[in-house]
């Protein structure tokens, strides 16, 4: 979608489907402020030839997944989930098992035990 404005629903809310809202910007700081000015944060994409800028921007984006020069390409081993109102916890990979598990330690003695109790 082109000619988008910050107040448009397609910019402020999550749209699940092959949709991209296009907005122009002047500075990196402006992009970050506008991108993070939402109650959602499932995923974000950064497209640039400057890989240092891409990582700097990705680090500041409030999104559970940040893609650089691609979008929605995620191996099943990578954790997936959002920030803010875009999800609870993470899915996929080892982090999911850890998230949905509760650790318990059990110590067992198999020999004779002398006890004062």
Protein backbone atom coordinates (compact mmCIF):
# COMPACT_ATOMS: atom_id res chain seq x y z
CA UNK A 1 0.00 0.00 0.00
CA UNK A 2 1.48 3.35 -1.02
CA UNK A 3 0.79 6.93 0.04
CA UNK A 4 0.17 5.73 3.61
CA UNK A 5 -0.06 8.01 6.63
CA UNK A 6 0.73 7.28 10.27
CA UNK A 7 -2.94 7.51 11.29
CA UNK A 8 -4.16 4.86 8.82
CA UNK A 9 -5.45 1.52 10.15
CA UNK A 10 -3.17 -0.41 7.79
CA UNK A 11 -0.20 1.36 9.41
CA UNK A 12 -1.28 1.12 13.07
CA UNK A 13 -2.69 -2.43 13.20
CA UNK A 14 -1.42 -5.88 12.30
CA UNK A 15 -2.62 -7.14 8.96
CA UNK A 16 -2.11 -10.87 8.51
CA UNK A 17 -1.48 -11.45 4.84
CA UNK A 18 0.81 -10.36 2.04
CA UNK A 19 0.46 -6.63 2.78
CA UNK A 20 3.11 -3.94 3.20
CA UNK A 21 2.40 -0.32 4.11
CA UNK A 22 4.90 2.05 2.48
CA UNK A 23 5.78 5.35 4.17
CA UNK A 24 8.57 7.76 3.36
CA UNK A 25 10.95 9.06 6.05
CA UNK A 26 13.69 11.59 6.55
CA UNK A 27 15.89 10.24 9.33
CA UNK A 28 16.65 6.97 11.06
CA UNK A 29 15.38 8.41 14.36
CA UNK A 30 12.06 9.28 12.70
CA UNK A 31 11.72 5.74 11.36
CA UNK A 32 12.32 4.20 14.78
CA UNK A 33 9.92 6.54 16.55
CA UNK A 34 7.17 5.89 14.00
CA UNK A 35 7.76 2.14 13.79
CA UNK A 36 7.67 1.72 17.58
CA UNK A 37 4.60 3.96 18.02
CA UNK A 38 2.19 1.03 18.03
CA UNK A 39 0.74 -1.38 20.55
CA UNK A 40 1.87 -4.28 18.36
CA UNK A 41 5.27 -5.74 17.58
CA UNK A 42 5.17 -9.10 15.87
CA UNK A 43 7.76 -8.58 13.14
CA UNK A 44 9.69 -5.85 11.35
CA UNK A 45 11.74 -5.65 8.19
CA UNK A 46 14.75 -3.48 7.41
CA UNK A 47 15.86 -3.12 3.80
CA UNK A 48 19.17 -1.35 3.22
CA UNK A 49 22.58 -1.80 1.65
CA UNK A 50 24.21 -0.61 4.91
CA UNK A 51 24.44 -3.73 7.11
CA UNK A 52 25.66 -1.74 10.13
CA UNK A 53 22.60 0.51 9.88
CA UNK A 54 20.38 -2.54 9.48
CA UNK A 55 21.64 -4.10 12.71
CA UNK A 56 21.47 -0.78 14.56
CA UNK A 57 17.85 -0.24 13.50
CA UNK A 58 16.87 -3.87 14.17
CA UNK A 59 18.25 -3.58 17.71
CA UNK A 60 16.00 -0.56 18.37
CA UNK A 61 12.82 -1.92 16.78
CA UNK A 62 10.27 -3.19 19.29
CA UNK A 63 9.44 -6.39 17.41
CA UNK A 64 9.85 -10.06 18.23
CA UNK A 65 11.43 -10.86 14.88
CA UNK A 66 13.43 -8.47 12.71
CA UNK A 67 14.24 -9.40 9.15
CA UNK A 68 17.08 -7.74 7.26
CA UNK A 69 16.83 -7.59 3.47
CA UNK A 70 14.23 -10.37 3.48
CA UNK A 71 10.88 -11.01 5.09
CA UNK A 72 9.10 -13.98 6.61
CA UNK A 73 11.91 -16.44 6.01
CA UNK A 74 12.38 -18.22 9.29
CA UNK A 75 13.74 -21.74 9.84
CA UNK A 76 11.66 -23.75 12.31
CA UNK A 77 14.53 -23.75 14.83
CA UNK A 78 14.33 -19.98 15.32
CA UNK A 79 12.09 -18.70 18.10
CA UNK A 80 9.06 -16.78 16.83
CA UNK A 81 6.84 -14.41 18.79
CA UNK A 82 6.04 -10.77 19.26
CA UNK A 83 6.42 -7.84 21.61
CA UNK A 84 3.65 -5.81 23.23
CA UNK A 85 0.18 -7.06 22.20
CA UNK A 86 1.60 -9.30 19.50
CA UNK A 87 2.02 -12.51 21.34
CA UNK A 88 2.84 -14.32 24.51
CA UNK A 89 6.05 -16.28 24.79
CA UNK A 90 7.90 -17.79 21.88
CA UNK A 91 7.22 -20.67 19.53
CA UNK A 92 9.70 -22.96 17.75
CA UNK A 93 13.09 -24.23 18.76
CA UNK A 94 14.57 -25.06 22.13
CA UNK A 95 13.32 -21.83 23.72
CA UNK A 96 9.75 -23.15 23.44
CA UNK A 97 10.54 -26.30 25.38
CA UNK A 98 12.22 -24.20 28.07
CA UNK A 99 9.35 -21.71 28.14
CA UNK A 100 6.64 -24.34 28.56
CA UNK A 101 8.64 -26.49 30.98
CA UNK A 102 9.21 -26.18 34.70
CA UNK A 103 12.52 -27.36 36.06
CA UNK A 104 12.54 -29.82 38.95
CA UNK A 105 15.56 -31.34 40.64
CA UNK A 106 15.26 -34.83 42.18
CA UNK A 107 18.13 -36.38 44.20
CA UNK A 108 18.02 -40.16 44.69
CA UNK A 109 20.21 -42.32 46.93
CA UNK A 110 20.23 -45.98 45.87
CA UNK A 111 22.35 -47.32 48.75
CA UNK A 112 21.77 -47.68 52.48
CA UNK A 113 20.95 -44.48 54.29
CA UNK A 114 21.67 -43.69 57.91
CA UNK A 115 19.36 -41.00 59.15
CA UNK A 116 18.85 -39.33 62.48
CA UNK A 117 15.18 -38.74 61.66
